[in-house]
Amino acid sequence: MADTFADELVAALARRAGALDIALHTVQVSVGGETLAHAVSDPLGLDTPQRMYSVAKTVTGLAIGMLADEGALSLDDPVTKHFPEMSPVHPWLEATTIRHMLAMRGPHRSTTYKLTAGGWLESYFRVPPTHPPGTIFTYDTSASYVLAALVERLSGLSLPEYLRPRLLDPLGISPGLRFLTGPEGISHGGSGLVCTPRDLLRLAHLLLDGGTHDSARLLPANYLRDAVRPQADTSLRTSDVVLRGGYGYQLWLPRPGSWLLFGLCGQIVYGDPARSSRSWSPRMPRRARAGTSACSTTCSSGSWIRSSTGSTLSLSTSIRSTPQSRTTGGAARPPPSGSRGRRLTMTPHTRGRSTDAT
């Protein structure tokens, strides 16, 4: 029955992706931690490093939660407390807390470093705010960049260096995980994560298991509990219906009890601990118009996992691409032959100003 589930799941994903003209580069199915099938599009694979865009935000948020648990900060600290050199600032910025930034309820209506030629960190404090913090949801990648800068300032380490012994190594995350950096050399905690699809699978398992791995707690229980609870109302979004369910701490909440990490080019990590194997049916979350032209030069990959306590989807996609698939285990199917376009090739992402991400 497990093999049948794996076959049907991969086939359903392929059909849905083909109808949307999206190529799935890898799909992995596991039940109770045991991999039953995976479909991989050559030359990509589960261990191919790729930029995961805004999945970076969740990883940055986890680092903030770990620092709070260590007593290095409070989520209710004004962000200016940790960047005193930026004063004086607008009163709305003085009132902005770390918690506001985690929940995307800061004072800026959009990403600030796209509005100025100065440094990305400084832009958050210099661009005039548009509203008091805590009033509305505004998706601001520069807030995540500042949070990454905060991690690096308080720890004295780069973001991946801070996470390596606390989270990455215990999970078996690949040693090549890294963050692209901004112009100041700060890890781009809003959009710069580079890792493998297998790394996403391991991160998904950790979130699904409540922050514990091999009976050891890696994530603070209080932080993770609040991170997956609604902290901001996103119901007024005019697009992306699946994203209107709410926002936690640096992740989306598509429906009650579920969570979603969503990268610009279709990198998806979706989990719903309440869904059991008997009551769950595969559905592929999708974005309105299935993406933008920004996806057309980025190859991607993904994996889907299900455990006895719930289910989660980790998936990355590309638009206008028709890769050939190979399968291991089960009988995973390739994307439909009717999918249009050509195979996309990966392009290097260099240090410096990058495209803002979902």
Protein backbone atom coordinates (compact mmCIF):
# COMPACT_ATOMS: atom_id res chain seq x y z
CA MET A 1 0.00 0.00 0.00
CA ALA A 2 2.88 2.35 0.77
CA ASP A 3 4.34 1.86 -2.72
CA THR A 4 0.92 2.53 -4.24
CA PHE A 5 0.64 5.74 -2.24
CA ALA A 6 4.09 6.83 -3.40
CA ASP A 7 3.27 6.08 -7.03
CA GLU A 8 -0.05 7.92 -6.88
CA LEU A 9 1.46 10.90 -5.07
CA VAL A 10 4.29 11.44 -7.52
CA ALA A 11 1.95 10.95 -10.46
CA ALA A 12 -0.56 13.43 -9.01
CA LEU A 13 2.17 16.02 -8.50
CA ALA A 14 3.47 15.49 -12.03
CA ARG A 15 -0.01 15.88 -13.53
CA ARG A 16 -0.73 19.04 -11.55
CA ALA A 17 2.67 20.50 -12.40
CA GLY A 18 2.27 19.64 -16.08
CA ALA A 19 -1.11 21.35 -16.20
CA LEU A 20 0.52 24.47 -14.77
CA ASP A 21 3.52 24.20 -17.13
CA ILE A 22 5.87 23.65 -14.19
CA ALA A 23 8.64 21.05 -14.11
CA LEU A 24 9.27 19.11 -10.92
CA HIS A 25 12.99 18.47 -10.74
CA THR A 26 12.90 16.06 -7.83
CA VAL A 27 10.17 14.50 -5.74
CA GLN A 28 10.88 12.30 -2.73
CA VAL A 29 8.30 10.26 -0.83
CA SER A 30 8.94 8.81 2.60
CA VAL A 31 6.67 7.33 5.26
CA GLY A 32 7.74 7.17 8.89
CA GLY A 33 11.20 8.31 7.87
CA GLU A 34 11.61 5.54 5.28
CA THR A 35 12.03 6.68 1.69
CA LEU A 36 9.73 4.75 -0.64
CA ALA A 37 10.34 6.50 -3.94
CA HIS A 38 11.93 9.49 -5.51
CA ALA A 39 11.94 10.93 -9.00
CA VAL A 40 14.96 12.98 -10.01
CA SER A 41 15.49 15.11 -13.11
CA ASP A 42 19.02 14.74 -14.45
CA PRO A 43 21.46 16.33 -13.94
CA LEU A 44 19.92 17.59 -10.70
CA GLY A 45 19.56 15.42 -7.64
CA LEU A 46 18.73 15.42 -3.96
CA ASP A 47 22.26 16.56 -3.13
CA THR A 48 22.50 19.34 -5.72
CA PRO A 49 22.94 22.71 -3.94
CA GLN A 50 20.43 25.29 -5.07
CA ARG A 51 19.29 28.70 -3.96
CA MET A 52 16.15 28.32 -1.87
CA TYR A 53 15.22 32.01 -1.76
CA SER A 54 12.72 32.85 0.98
CA VAL A 55 13.01 29.49 2.70
CA ALA A 56 15.99 31.41 4.14
CA LYS A 57 13.59 33.52 6.21
CA THR A 58 12.42 30.57 8.28
CA VAL A 59 15.99 29.45 8.94
CA THR A 60 16.88 32.98 10.04
CA GLY A 61 13.84 33.05 12.30
CA LEU A 62 14.90 29.78 13.92
CA ALA A 63 18.30 31.32 14.71
CA ILE A 64 16.58 34.29 16.37
CA GLY A 65 14.48 31.90 18.45
CA MET A 66 17.59 30.01 19.53
CA LEU A 67 19.34 33.23 20.56
CA ALA A 68 16.28 34.22 22.59
CA ASP A 69 16.36 30.83 24.30
CA GLU A 70 20.03 31.41 25.13
CA GLY A 71 19.15 34.74 26.74
CA ALA A 72 21.02 36.86 24.19
CA LEU A 73 17.87 38.82 23.28
CA SER A 74 14.16 39.15 23.91
CA LEU A 75 11.66 39.07 21.09
CA ASP A 76 10.19 42.23 22.61
CA ASP A 77 13.48 44.12 22.38
CA PRO A 78 13.31 47.21 20.15
CA VAL A 79 15.54 46.41 17.21
CA THR A 80 17.34 49.73 17.72
CA LYS A 81 18.61 48.43 21.08
CA HIS A 82 20.96 46.16 19.16
CA PHE A 83 21.89 48.73 16.50
CA PRO A 84 22.48 51.90 18.55
CA GLU A 85 24.71 53.37 15.85
CA MET A 86 21.64 53.79 13.66
CA SER A 87 20.05 56.35 16.01
CA PRO A 88 18.37 58.74 15.76
CA VAL A 89 15.54 57.07 13.86
CA HIS A 90 11.87 57.73 13.17
CA PRO A 91 9.62 57.09 16.23
CA TRP A 92 7.91 54.23 14.39
CA LEU A 93 11.28 52.54 13.99
CA GLU A 94 12.06 53.16 17.66
CA ALA A 95 8.88 51.25 18.48
CA THR A 96 9.68 48.32 16.17
CA THR A 97 10.50 45.11 18.05
CA ILE A 98 12.12 41.88 16.95
CA ARG A 99 8.72 40.23 17.31
CA HIS A 100 7.20 42.74 14.86
CA MET A 101 9.90 41.87 12.33
CA LEU A 102 9.53 38.12 12.72
CA ALA A 103 5.79 38.43 12.03
CA MET A 104 6.21 40.85 9.09
CA ARG A 105 4.39 43.56 11.02
CA GLY A 106 7.17 46.11 10.79
CA PRO A 107 6.86 49.78 9.77
CA HIS A 108 7.86 49.47 6.10
CA ARG A 109 5.48 48.63 3.27
CA SER A 110 8.18 46.94 1.19
CA THR A 111 11.81 45.91 1.11
CA THR A 112 13.87 48.99 1.95
CA TYR A 113 17.18 48.16 0.27
CA LYS A 114 15.43 48.30 -3.10
CA LEU A 115 14.61 51.96 -2.43
CA THR A 116 18.08 53.31 -1.75
CA ALA A 117 21.61 53.01 -3.06
CA GLY A 118 23.10 52.71 0.43
CA GLY A 119 23.84 49.68 2.55
CA TRP A 120 21.08 47.12 2.99
CA LEU A 121 21.27 47.12 6.78
CA GLU A 122 21.28 50.89 7.06
CA SER A 123 18.38 51.19 4.62
CA TYR A 124 16.02 49.62 7.15
CA PHE A 125 16.70 52.45 9.58
CA ARG A 126 16.99 55.29 7.06
CA VAL A 127 14.11 54.75 4.62
CA PRO A 128 11.08 56.61 6.05
CA PRO A 129 8.55 54.14 7.51
CA THR A 130 5.01 54.17 6.17
CA HIS A 131 2.99 53.06 9.22
CA PRO A 132 3.36 52.21 12.92
CA PRO A 133 4.68 48.72 13.64
CA GLY A 134 2.19 46.05 14.67
CA THR A 135 -0.68 47.49 12.67
CA ILE A 136 -0.65 45.60 9.35
CA PHE A 137 1.12 42.74 7.57
CA THR A 138 3.70 43.91 5.04
CA TYR A 139 6.09 41.42 3.46
CA ASP A 140 9.53 42.95 3.90
CA THR A 141 12.63 40.97 3.03
CA SER A 142 14.86 43.70 4.44
CA ALA A 143 13.48 42.91 7.92
CA SER A 144 14.80 39.36 7.56
CA TYR A 145 18.15 40.74 6.43
CA VAL A 146 18.33 42.84 9.60
CA LEU A 147 17.43 39.79 11.69
CA ALA A 148 20.33 37.89 10.12
CA ALA A 149 22.60 40.83 10.90
CA LEU A 150 21.38 40.67 14.48
CA VAL A 151 22.26 36.98 14.74
CA GLU A 152 25.74 37.68 13.45
CA ARG A 153 26.24 40.70 15.72
CA LEU A 154 25.19 38.93 18.91
CA SER A 155 26.91 35.62 18.19
CA GLY A 156 30.08 36.97 16.63
CA LEU A 157 29.68 34.34 13.92
CA SER A 158 28.20 34.18 10.46
CA LEU A 159 24.63 32.88 10.35
CA PRO A 160 25.61 29.39 9.10
CA GLU A 161 28.51 29.24 11.57
CA TYR A 162 26.13 29.98 14.42
CA LEU A 163 23.66 27.32 13.26
CA ARG A 164 26.22 24.64 12.40
CA PRO A 165 26.85 23.06 15.86
CA ARG A 166 23.37 23.86 17.22
CA LEU A 167 21.15 22.76 14.36
CA LEU A 168 22.83 21.84 11.09
CA ASP A 169 25.30 19.21 12.21
CA PRO A 170 22.84 17.39 14.53
CA LEU A 171 20.39 17.17 11.62
CA GLY A 172 23.03 15.95 9.17
CA ILE A 173 22.64 19.03 6.99
CA SER A 174 25.17 19.16 4.17
CA PRO A 175 28.45 20.95 4.98
CA GLY A 176 27.99 23.09 1.89
CA LEU A 177 24.94 24.94 3.23
CA ARG A 178 25.63 28.64 2.96
CA PHE A 179 24.04 32.06 2.59
CA LEU A 180 24.69 34.55 -0.15
CA THR A 181 25.69 37.86 1.36
CA GLY A 182 24.63 41.47 1.00
CA PRO A 183 27.00 44.33 0.18
CA GLU A 184 28.15 44.55 3.82
CA GLY A 185 29.11 40.88 3.89
CA ILE A 186 26.07 40.01 6.05
CA SER A 187 24.30 36.72 5.35
CA HIS A 188 21.18 37.37 3.29
CA GLY A 189 18.76 35.89 5.78
CA GLY A 190 15.79 36.90 3.66
CA SER A 191 16.61 35.23 0.36
CA GLY A 192 20.16 33.89 0.23
CA LEU A 193 19.97 30.30 1.50
CA VAL A 194 21.83 27.79 -0.65
CA CYS A 195 21.38 24.13 0.30
CA THR A 196 20.22 20.80 -1.10
CA PRO A 197 16.72 19.32 -1.41
CA ARG A 198 17.77 16.65 1.08
CA ASP A 199 18.52 19.44 3.56
CA LEU A 200 14.96 20.72 3.15
CA LEU A 201 13.66 17.25 3.85
CA ARG A 202 15.58 17.09 7.12
CA LEU A 203 14.42 20.56 8.15
CA ALA A 204 10.83 19.58 7.37
CA HIS A 205 11.11 16.51 9.58
CA LEU A 206 12.43 18.65 12.43
CA LEU A 207 9.52 21.09 12.24
CA LEU A 208 7.03 18.23 11.92
CA ASP A 209 8.53 16.59 15.01
CA GLY A 210 8.16 19.74 17.10
CA GLY A 211 11.81 20.73 17.07
CA THR A 212 13.26 17.46 18.36
CA HIS A 213 15.61 15.06 16.56
CA ASP A 214 16.77 11.69 17.87
CA SER A 215 15.13 12.55 21.21
CA ALA A 216 17.20 15.76 21.50
CA ARG A 217 15.56 19.16 21.46
CA LEU A 218 17.18 21.37 18.83
CA LEU A 219 14.60 24.17 18.67
CA PRO A 220 13.07 26.02 21.62
CA ALA A 221 9.58 24.64 22.22
CA ASN A 222 8.07 28.02 23.10
CA TYR A 223 9.47 29.73 20.04
CA LEU A 224 8.38 26.99 17.66
CA ARG A 225 4.91 26.86 19.21
CA ASP A 226 4.43 30.57 18.55
CA ALA A 227 6.15 30.45 15.16
CA VAL A 228 3.45 28.19 13.74
CA ARG A 229 0.58 30.18 15.27
CA PRO A 230 -0.99 33.18 13.50
CA GLN A 231 0.97 36.32 14.34
CA ALA A 232 -0.27 38.43 11.42
CA ASP A 233 -3.47 38.62 9.38
CA THR A 234 -2.80 38.06 5.66
CA SER A 235 -6.43 37.78 4.54
CA LEU A 236 -6.29 41.07 2.62
CA ARG A 237 -3.71 39.82 0.13
CA THR A 238 -5.06 40.32 -3.37
CA SER A 239 -3.21 37.33 -4.86
CA ASP A 240 -1.79 34.00 -3.73
CA VAL A 241 -4.94 32.58 -2.15
CA VAL A 242 -3.01 29.88 -0.33
CA LEU A 243 -1.09 32.61 1.55
CA ARG A 244 -4.16 34.30 3.01
CA GLY A 245 -4.43 32.00 6.01
CA GLY A 246 -1.99 33.95 8.14
CA TYR A 247 1.69 34.38 8.93
CA GLY A 248 3.68 33.14 11.90
CA TYR A 249 7.35 33.85 12.56
CA GLN A 250 9.01 33.96 9.13
CA LEU A 251 6.68 31.33 7.65
CA TRP A 252 3.21 31.13 6.13
CA LEU A 253 0.16 29.45 7.64
CA PRO A 254 -2.05 28.33 4.72
CA ARG A 255 -4.70 26.67 6.89
CA PRO A 256 -5.17 26.07 10.63
CA GLY A 257 -2.42 23.88 12.01
CA SER A 258 -0.31 23.82 8.84
CA TRP A 259 2.81 25.75 7.89
CA LEU A 260 4.49 26.67 4.62
CA LEU A 261 7.98 27.79 3.67
CA PHE A 262 7.82 29.39 0.24
CA GLY A 263 10.72 30.45 -1.96
CA LEU A 264 10.49 32.74 -4.96
CA CYS A 265 11.08 30.04 -7.56
CA GLY A 266 8.75 27.42 -6.16
CA GLN A 267 10.81 26.02 -3.29
CA ILE A 268 8.04 24.70 -1.06
CA VAL A 269 8.15 23.08 2.36
CA TYR A 270 4.59 22.37 3.48
CA GLY A 271 3.59 20.55 6.64
CA ASP A 272 0.37 19.64 8.40
CA PRO A 273 0.95 17.61 11.60
CA ALA A 274 -2.79 16.98 12.02
CA ARG A 275 -3.11 14.94 8.82
CA SER A 276 -2.80 11.22 9.31
CA SER A 277 -1.96 8.69 6.61
CA ARG A 278 -5.56 7.50 6.49
CA SER A 279 -7.25 10.85 6.15
CA TRP A 280 -4.73 12.66 3.96
CA SER A 281 -5.04 13.21 0.23
CA PRO A 282 -2.24 14.81 -1.82
CA ARG A 283 -2.72 18.41 -2.86
CA MET A 284 -0.09 20.65 -4.31
CA PRO A 285 -0.18 24.22 -2.95
CA ARG A 286 0.25 26.65 -5.76
CA ARG A 287 0.79 30.32 -6.25
CA ALA A 288 -1.36 32.49 -8.49
CA ARG A 289 -0.07 32.25 -12.04
CA ALA A 290 2.36 29.57 -10.82
CA GLY A 291 5.23 32.01 -10.58
CA THR A 292 6.84 34.81 -12.54
CA SER A 293 9.55 35.30 -15.13
CA ALA A 294 12.07 35.43 -12.28
CA CYS A 295 11.75 31.63 -12.14
CA SER A 296 12.77 31.05 -15.73
CA THR A 297 16.51 30.82 -15.10
CA THR A 298 16.50 28.87 -11.89
CA CYS A 299 16.36 25.09 -11.73
CA SER A 300 14.93 23.59 -8.60
CA SER A 301 14.06 20.44 -6.75
CA GLY A 302 12.04 19.11 -3.87
CA SER A 303 10.78 16.30 -1.72
CA TRP A 304 7.57 15.18 -0.04
CA ILE A 305 7.51 13.39 3.28
CA ARG A 306 4.81 11.85 5.41
CA SER A 307 5.13 10.51 8.94
CA SER A 308 2.88 8.72 11.38
CA THR A 309 2.18 12.04 13.10
CA GLY A 310 1.40 14.13 10.05
CA SER A 311 2.49 15.10 6.58
CA THR A 312 4.75 17.63 4.96
CA LEU A 313 5.68 18.62 1.42
CA SER A 314 9.08 19.95 0.45
CA LEU A 315 9.05 20.93 -3.21
CA SER A 316 10.83 23.22 -5.64
CA THR A 317 9.82 23.93 -9.21
CA SER A 318 10.71 25.72 -12.39
CA ILE A 319 8.56 27.28 -15.08
CA ARG A 320 8.74 26.40 -18.78
CA SER A 321 11.02 23.41 -18.28
CA THR A 322 10.71 19.76 -19.30
CA PRO A 323 13.43 17.71 -17.59
CA GLN A 324 13.72 13.95 -18.01
CA SER A 325 13.18 11.95 -14.83
CA ARG A 326 14.74 8.85 -13.39
CA THR A 327 13.31 7.01 -10.44
CA THR A 328 14.57 5.06 -7.48
CA GLY A 329 12.31 2.90 -5.36
CA GLY A 330 8.61 2.48 -6.02
CA ALA A 331 7.54 3.51 -9.51
CA ALA A 332 7.77 7.29 -9.52
CA ARG A 333 6.68 8.85 -12.80
CA PRO A 334 8.32 11.64 -14.82
CA PRO A 335 6.56 14.92 -15.61
CA PRO A 336 3.93 14.55 -18.36
CA SER A 337 5.25 14.62 -21.89
CA GLY A 338 2.83 17.44 -22.71
CA SER A 339 4.68 19.92 -20.51
CA ARG A 340 5.95 22.67 -22.76
CA GLY A 341 9.33 24.40 -23.10
CA ARG A 342 12.96 23.47 -22.64
CA ARG A 343 15.12 22.42 -19.73
CA LEU A 344 16.35 25.30 -17.61
CA THR A 345 19.95 25.54 -16.52
CA MET A 346 21.19 26.75 -13.16
CA THR A 347 22.76 30.17 -13.08
CA PRO A 348 25.29 31.29 -10.46
CA HIS A 349 24.18 33.89 -7.91
CA THR A 350 26.95 36.29 -7.07
CA ARG A 351 27.43 38.43 -4.03
CA GLY A 352 25.65 41.74 -4.20
CA ARG A 353 22.17 43.05 -4.83
CA SER A 354 19.76 40.20 -5.47
CA THR A 355 16.19 39.86 -6.60
CA ASP A 356 13.74 40.21 -3.73
CA ALA A 357 12.02 36.91 -3.03
CA THR A 358 8.75 35.55 -1.84
